[in-house]
Amino acid sequence: MIKMMKSKVHRATVTGADLNYEGSVALDEALIEAHRHELAKAASFPAHHRPLLQVLAREHCLAVVSNFDYSPTALGILDAAGVRELFAAIVVSDEVGWRKPRPDIFHEALRRTGAEPHGTLFVGDRIDIDVAGAHAVGMDAAWINPGREALPSGVAPPSYEIRDLAELEAIVARR
């Protein structure tokens, strides 16, 4: 909770950043931007993913389904990686009001791309929300599991289990 006292200058410290506001600049907007900036710094996008996505986008309709709570952060990460233009649809939770594994967010991505669930492969790093959500709407799923975590009991296995996105090219070639 942040408490503000009425004055001409407001000061807040967020993750070590000293923020000063005067006049018409809204504190909530500045805090959101600071949050977006810190999240973007924490995101990693391996260099070998961009060429892979470029190859896949030539023959397949790609989409992003993200549980980010602020679309500009998700879009900024894709822009910084130089891959945003490779996706036919980018569906972010805060924009649509649903989070994975809720079926609605998957259906929205399908609607935007014109794809059918039975011909779609969903790739995600969370077995509980990505794979389970994709299965719930009839999609095949590939689980990115770099740490070789055990499949939790009671969870349906993915169609594919990979350690890195680079393995996806071979899978897609066989489908």
Protein backbone atom coordinates (compact mmCIF):
# COMPACT_ATOMS: atom_id res chain seq x y z
CA MET A 1 0.00 0.00 0.00
CA ILE A 2 1.28 3.45 -0.87
CA LYS A 3 0.06 6.39 1.17
CA MET A 4 0.43 9.83 -0.32
CA MET A 5 0.26 13.14 1.48
CA LYS A 6 -1.00 16.17 -0.42
CA SER A 7 1.89 18.34 -1.53
CA LYS A 8 3.38 19.73 -4.70
CA VAL A 9 6.03 17.01 -4.94
CA HIS A 10 5.44 13.31 -4.30
CA ARG A 11 8.33 10.92 -3.84
CA ALA A 12 8.20 7.13 -3.95
CA THR A 13 10.91 4.51 -4.07
CA VAL A 14 10.22 1.49 -6.23
CA THR A 15 12.83 -1.23 -6.66
CA GLY A 16 15.59 1.22 -5.88
CA ALA A 17 14.38 3.83 -8.35
CA ASP A 18 13.85 7.33 -7.03
CA LEU A 19 10.77 8.84 -8.68
CA ASN A 20 9.71 12.48 -8.35
CA TYR A 21 6.40 13.85 -9.64
CA GLU A 22 5.11 17.38 -9.95
CA GLY A 23 2.06 18.88 -11.53
CA SER A 24 -0.08 16.76 -13.82
CA VAL A 25 2.06 13.58 -13.98
CA ALA A 26 0.00 10.81 -12.40
CA LEU A 27 1.75 8.63 -9.85
CA ASP A 28 -0.13 5.52 -10.94
CA GLU A 29 1.09 5.90 -14.53
CA ALA A 30 4.67 6.38 -13.37
CA LEU A 31 4.49 3.31 -11.13
CA ILE A 32 3.03 1.22 -13.95
CA GLU A 33 5.83 2.34 -16.24
CA ALA A 34 8.45 1.52 -13.58
CA HIS A 35 6.85 -1.92 -13.14
CA ARG A 36 6.82 -2.47 -16.92
CA HIS A 37 10.46 -1.45 -17.17
CA GLU A 38 11.58 -3.80 -14.39
CA LEU A 39 9.63 -6.75 -15.82
CA ALA A 40 11.07 -6.15 -19.28
CA LYS A 41 14.60 -6.14 -17.83
CA ALA A 42 13.93 -9.49 -16.15
CA ALA A 43 12.64 -11.15 -19.32
CA SER A 44 15.06 -13.21 -21.33
CA PHE A 45 14.72 -14.04 -24.98
CA PRO A 46 17.43 -16.45 -26.17
CA ALA A 47 19.10 -15.29 -29.39
CA HIS A 48 18.44 -18.59 -31.19
CA HIS A 49 14.67 -18.21 -30.81
CA ARG A 50 14.33 -15.36 -33.32
CA PRO A 51 15.70 -17.28 -36.34
CA LEU A 52 13.59 -20.29 -35.39
CA LEU A 53 10.42 -18.18 -35.18
CA GLN A 54 11.27 -16.58 -38.54
CA VAL A 55 11.49 -20.02 -40.15
CA LEU A 56 8.26 -21.22 -38.54
CA ALA A 57 6.36 -18.02 -39.43
CA ARG A 58 7.05 -18.58 -43.14
CA GLU A 59 4.82 -21.66 -43.17
CA HIS A 60 2.70 -21.44 -40.05
CA CYS A 61 0.39 -18.98 -38.35
CA LEU A 62 2.01 -18.07 -35.03
CA ALA A 63 0.32 -16.50 -32.03
CA VAL A 64 1.20 -15.51 -28.48
CA VAL A 65 -1.12 -16.17 -25.55
CA SER A 66 0.23 -14.46 -22.45
CA ASN A 67 -0.86 -14.05 -18.85
CA PHE A 68 0.98 -10.73 -18.58
CA ASP A 69 -0.98 -8.21 -16.57
CA TYR A 70 0.12 -5.26 -18.70
CA SER A 71 0.06 -5.53 -22.51
CA PRO A 72 2.69 -2.84 -23.17
CA THR A 73 5.23 -4.96 -21.26
CA ALA A 74 4.51 -8.08 -23.30
CA LEU A 75 4.56 -6.14 -26.56
CA GLY A 76 7.76 -4.35 -25.55
CA ILE A 77 9.53 -7.65 -24.91
CA LEU A 78 8.47 -8.96 -28.32
CA ASP A 79 9.56 -5.69 -29.95
CA ALA A 80 12.95 -5.75 -28.22
CA ALA A 81 13.49 -9.31 -29.45
CA GLY A 82 12.52 -8.28 -32.98
CA VAL A 83 9.77 -10.89 -33.27
CA ARG A 84 6.49 -9.07 -32.77
CA GLU A 85 5.78 -8.90 -36.49
CA LEU A 86 6.08 -12.69 -36.77
CA PHE A 87 2.86 -13.27 -34.84
CA ALA A 88 -0.55 -13.17 -36.49
CA ALA A 89 -2.15 -12.63 -33.09
CA ILE A 90 -0.95 -11.55 -29.66
CA VAL A 91 -3.49 -12.19 -26.92
CA VAL A 92 -2.60 -10.75 -23.51
CA SER A 93 -4.65 -11.36 -20.37
CA ASP A 94 -5.10 -7.74 -19.35
CA GLU A 95 -6.49 -6.93 -22.79
CA VAL A 96 -9.08 -9.71 -22.89
CA GLY A 97 -9.84 -10.18 -19.19
CA TRP A 98 -9.01 -13.89 -19.00
CA ARG A 99 -5.96 -15.81 -17.87
CA LYS A 100 -4.70 -19.22 -18.88
CA PRO A 101 -5.82 -21.94 -18.31
CA ARG A 102 -9.30 -20.47 -18.87
CA PRO A 103 -10.53 -21.70 -22.27
CA ASP A 104 -11.72 -18.25 -23.36
CA ILE A 105 -8.19 -16.91 -23.86
CA PHE A 106 -7.28 -19.89 -26.04
CA HIS A 107 -10.51 -19.51 -28.02
CA GLU A 108 -9.71 -15.84 -28.57
CA ALA A 109 -6.32 -16.72 -30.06
CA LEU A 110 -7.99 -19.29 -32.31
CA ARG A 111 -10.59 -16.73 -33.38
CA ARG A 112 -7.97 -14.11 -34.20
CA THR A 113 -5.90 -16.52 -36.26
CA GLY A 114 -8.76 -18.42 -37.87
CA ALA A 115 -7.18 -21.68 -36.69
CA GLU A 116 -8.98 -24.80 -35.53
CA PRO A 117 -8.04 -26.42 -32.20
CA HIS A 118 -7.43 -29.87 -33.69
CA GLY A 119 -4.78 -28.50 -36.06
CA THR A 120 -3.06 -26.28 -33.54
CA LEU A 121 0.01 -26.95 -31.42
CA PHE A 122 0.26 -24.83 -28.28
CA VAL A 123 3.73 -24.40 -26.80
CA GLY A 124 4.19 -23.37 -23.20
CA ASP A 125 6.43 -23.71 -20.17
CA ARG A 126 3.73 -24.33 -17.58
CA ILE A 127 2.13 -27.77 -17.48
CA ASP A 128 -0.66 -26.56 -15.20
CA ILE A 129 -1.82 -23.58 -17.23
CA ASP A 130 -0.38 -23.85 -20.74
CA VAL A 131 -0.70 -27.56 -21.41
CA ALA A 132 -3.87 -28.06 -19.35
CA GLY A 133 -5.53 -25.04 -20.96
CA ALA A 134 -4.59 -26.12 -24.48
CA HIS A 135 -5.85 -29.64 -23.87
CA ALA A 136 -9.14 -28.28 -22.50
CA VAL A 137 -9.93 -26.68 -25.87
CA GLY A 138 -8.73 -29.61 -27.99
CA MET A 139 -5.21 -28.46 -28.92
CA ASP A 140 -2.09 -30.57 -28.88
CA ALA A 141 0.55 -29.14 -26.57
CA ALA A 142 4.32 -29.06 -26.30
CA TRP A 143 5.68 -28.49 -22.81
CA ILE A 144 9.00 -26.66 -22.57
CA ASN A 145 10.53 -28.42 -19.58
CA PRO A 146 14.23 -27.49 -19.43
CA GLY A 147 14.68 -28.85 -15.90
CA ARG A 148 13.10 -32.21 -16.71
CA GLU A 149 10.54 -31.76 -13.96
CA ALA A 150 8.34 -34.74 -13.25
CA LEU A 151 4.81 -34.59 -14.56
CA PRO A 152 2.58 -33.75 -11.58
CA SER A 153 0.15 -36.49 -10.63
CA GLY A 154 -3.30 -36.10 -12.10
CA VAL A 155 -2.08 -33.95 -15.00
CA ALA A 156 -2.50 -35.23 -18.54
CA PRO A 157 0.83 -35.51 -20.33
CA PRO A 158 1.60 -33.13 -23.19
CA SER A 159 1.76 -34.35 -26.76
CA TYR A 160 5.43 -33.35 -26.76
CA GLU A 161 7.99 -32.50 -24.09
CA ILE A 162 10.99 -30.41 -25.09
CA ARG A 163 13.94 -28.87 -23.27
CA ASP A 164 14.26 -25.83 -25.56
CA LEU A 165 12.17 -24.11 -28.20
CA ALA A 166 14.81 -25.13 -30.77
CA GLU A 167 13.39 -28.67 -30.65
CA LEU A 168 10.11 -27.39 -32.02
CA GLU A 169 11.23 -27.21 -35.64
CA ALA A 170 11.61 -31.00 -35.90
CA ILE A 171 8.24 -31.57 -34.21
CA VAL A 172 6.44 -29.19 -36.54
CA ALA A 173 8.10 -30.79 -39.58
CA ARG A 174 6.62 -34.20 -38.57
CA ARG A 175 3.07 -32.89 -38.03
